Amino acid sequence: MAYEIELAIFGAFVGLFTPIGVYLAKKIIEPVFQLREVISDIMYSLTLYGNVSSNPRTSPRHHEVSDILRKHASALLSKLYLVKFPSIASSFGLIPDENSIREVSKELIGISNMMFDLQFVTNIFKSHEKISKLLK
């Protein structure tokens, strides 16, 4: 995983073999990188399944994508709760701010709910754009 390399570099920087370095790496830095990985997965899925989510209908594929988006929304919030001092991590540009993360989770659930009805196509496109902006 990409964050493991960054974590190793950080660990070497703070002295991974010291108790403080181990604590910092495991409890403070690792959750930030896990959250960043979930954000990456979300952007990947929105691109990969954009053709499915933006063409509402009821099919097994649509239900599968709906479940994937809901899992991403849940993972995003669960990883956020593991981050110690999210406002500090956000101020350093390591993660988006906490409100943006919560909003992205809501938008993902919204897309998941809307992707079965044609009347919501415009809203789905707006949600895709909003998520992209919030996660930058």
Protein backbone atom coordinates (compact mmCIF):
# COMPACT_ATOMS: atom_id res chain seq x y z
CA MET A 1 0.00 0.00 0.00
CA ALA A 2 1.21 3.47 -0.84
CA TYR A 3 0.75 4.86 2.64
CA GLU A 4 3.12 2.22 4.07
CA ILE A 5 6.03 3.76 2.19
CA GLU A 6 5.18 7.22 3.47
CA LEU A 7 4.69 5.78 6.94
CA ALA A 8 8.12 4.12 6.81
CA ILE A 9 9.75 7.38 5.76
CA PHE A 10 7.99 9.24 8.55
CA GLY A 11 8.92 6.49 11.00
CA ALA A 12 12.56 6.80 10.06
CA PHE A 13 12.32 10.55 10.49
CA VAL A 14 10.91 10.45 14.05
CA GLY A 15 12.85 7.40 15.11
CA LEU A 16 10.65 4.38 14.54
CA PHE A 17 12.55 2.37 17.11
CA THR A 18 11.70 4.72 19.95
CA PRO A 19 8.46 4.27 21.87
CA ILE A 20 7.33 7.76 20.89
CA GLY A 21 8.07 7.10 17.21
CA VAL A 22 6.11 3.86 17.28
CA TYR A 23 3.16 5.56 18.97
CA LEU A 24 3.17 8.45 16.51
CA ALA A 25 3.38 6.15 13.53
CA LYS A 26 0.71 3.72 14.70
CA LYS A 27 -1.85 5.96 16.40
CA ILE A 28 -1.54 9.30 14.69
CA ILE A 29 0.01 8.97 11.23
CA GLU A 30 -1.30 5.58 10.05
CA PRO A 31 -5.01 6.54 10.36
CA VAL A 32 -4.37 9.62 8.21
CA PHE A 33 -2.89 7.48 5.46
CA GLN A 34 -5.73 4.96 5.76
CA LEU A 35 -8.23 7.79 5.30
CA ARG A 36 -6.33 9.02 2.26
CA GLU A 37 -6.49 5.52 0.82
CA VAL A 38 -10.29 5.44 1.24
CA ILE A 39 -10.50 8.83 -0.50
CA SER A 40 -8.45 7.40 -3.35
CA ASP A 41 -10.79 4.39 -3.56
CA ILE A 42 -13.81 6.71 -3.71
CA MET A 43 -12.40 8.71 -6.59
CA TYR A 44 -11.48 5.50 -8.39
CA SER A 45 -14.99 4.08 -7.96
CA LEU A 46 -16.71 7.29 -9.06
CA THR A 47 -14.68 7.19 -12.26
CA LEU A 48 -14.98 3.46 -12.83
CA TYR A 49 -18.73 3.25 -12.12
CA GLY A 50 -19.70 6.71 -13.41
CA ASN A 51 -21.39 5.16 -16.42
CA VAL A 52 -23.56 3.04 -14.14
CA SER A 53 -24.45 5.64 -11.51
CA SER A 54 -25.25 8.33 -14.10
CA ASN A 55 -27.61 6.09 -16.09
CA PRO A 56 -30.30 5.32 -13.52
CA ARG A 57 -32.24 2.09 -13.80
CA THR A 58 -32.87 -1.01 -11.75
CA SER A 59 -30.49 -3.84 -12.52
CA PRO A 60 -28.22 -6.15 -10.55
CA ARG A 61 -25.22 -4.03 -11.64
CA HIS A 62 -26.86 -0.88 -10.28
CA HIS A 63 -27.51 -2.58 -6.94
CA GLU A 64 -23.88 -3.71 -6.82
CA VAL A 65 -22.59 -0.18 -7.47
CA SER A 66 -25.06 1.23 -4.96
CA ASP A 67 -23.65 -1.11 -2.31
CA ILE A 68 -20.07 -0.15 -3.21
CA LEU A 69 -20.85 3.56 -2.80
CA ARG A 70 -22.55 2.95 0.55
CA LYS A 71 -19.52 0.98 1.75
CA HIS A 72 -17.26 3.85 0.72
CA ALA A 73 -19.46 6.32 2.63
CA SER A 74 -19.27 4.15 5.72
CA ALA A 75 -15.52 3.54 5.40
CA LEU A 76 -14.91 7.27 5.00
CA LEU A 77 -16.59 8.10 8.29
CA SER A 78 -15.12 5.15 10.16
CA LYS A 79 -11.58 6.10 9.09
CA LEU A 80 -12.25 9.74 10.00
CA TYR A 81 -13.10 8.69 13.55
CA LEU A 82 -9.69 7.00 13.84
CA VAL A 83 -7.80 10.17 12.92
CA LYS A 84 -6.50 11.97 15.96
CA PHE A 85 -6.68 15.74 15.61
CA PRO A 86 -8.35 15.85 12.16
CA SER A 87 -8.32 19.66 12.14
CA ILE A 88 -4.52 19.67 12.45
CA ALA A 89 -4.14 17.04 9.72
CA SER A 90 -6.45 19.13 7.55
CA SER A 91 -4.52 22.34 8.21
CA PHE A 92 -1.37 20.62 6.91
CA GLY A 93 -3.26 19.52 3.80
CA LEU A 94 -3.01 15.83 4.66
CA ILE A 95 -6.78 15.30 4.57
CA PRO A 96 -9.84 17.38 3.65
CA ASP A 97 -11.55 19.15 6.53
CA GLU A 98 -13.94 17.16 8.69
CA ASN A 99 -17.09 18.87 7.36
CA SER A 100 -16.09 18.11 3.77
CA ILE A 101 -15.54 14.45 4.62
CA ARG A 102 -18.96 14.23 6.25
CA GLU A 103 -20.54 15.96 3.26
CA VAL A 104 -18.87 13.52 0.85
CA SER A 105 -20.30 10.63 2.85
CA LYS A 106 -23.78 12.15 2.53
CA GLU A 107 -23.32 12.71 -1.21
CA LEU A 108 -22.24 9.10 -1.72
CA ILE A 109 -25.35 7.86 0.08
CA GLY A 110 -27.40 10.29 -2.02
CA ILE A 111 -25.96 8.94 -5.27
CA SER A 112 -26.61 5.42 -4.03
CA ASN A 113 -30.26 6.30 -3.43
CA MET A 114 -30.77 8.32 -6.63
CA MET A 115 -29.22 5.93 -9.14
CA PHE A 116 -32.45 3.99 -9.61
CA ASP A 117 -34.59 6.86 -10.92
CA LEU A 118 -34.08 8.85 -14.15
CA GLN A 119 -35.42 12.07 -12.66
CA PHE A 120 -32.24 12.39 -10.55
CA VAL A 121 -29.64 12.26 -13.35
CA THR A 122 -28.79 15.97 -13.01
CA ASN A 123 -28.46 15.63 -9.23
CA ILE A 124 -26.12 12.66 -9.65
CA PHE A 125 -23.82 14.68 -11.94
CA LYS A 126 -23.84 17.55 -9.42
CA SER A 127 -22.98 15.13 -6.61
CA HIS A 128 -20.05 13.74 -8.60
CA GLU A 129 -18.70 17.26 -9.13
CA LYS A 130 -19.27 18.24 -5.51
CA ILE A 131 -17.43 15.17 -4.22
CA SER A 132 -14.47 15.89 -6.49
CA LYS A 133 -14.24 19.45 -5.20
CA LEU A 134 -14.63 18.49 -1.55
CA LEU A 135 -11.92 15.85 -1.64
CA LYS A 136 -9.23 18.03 -3.24
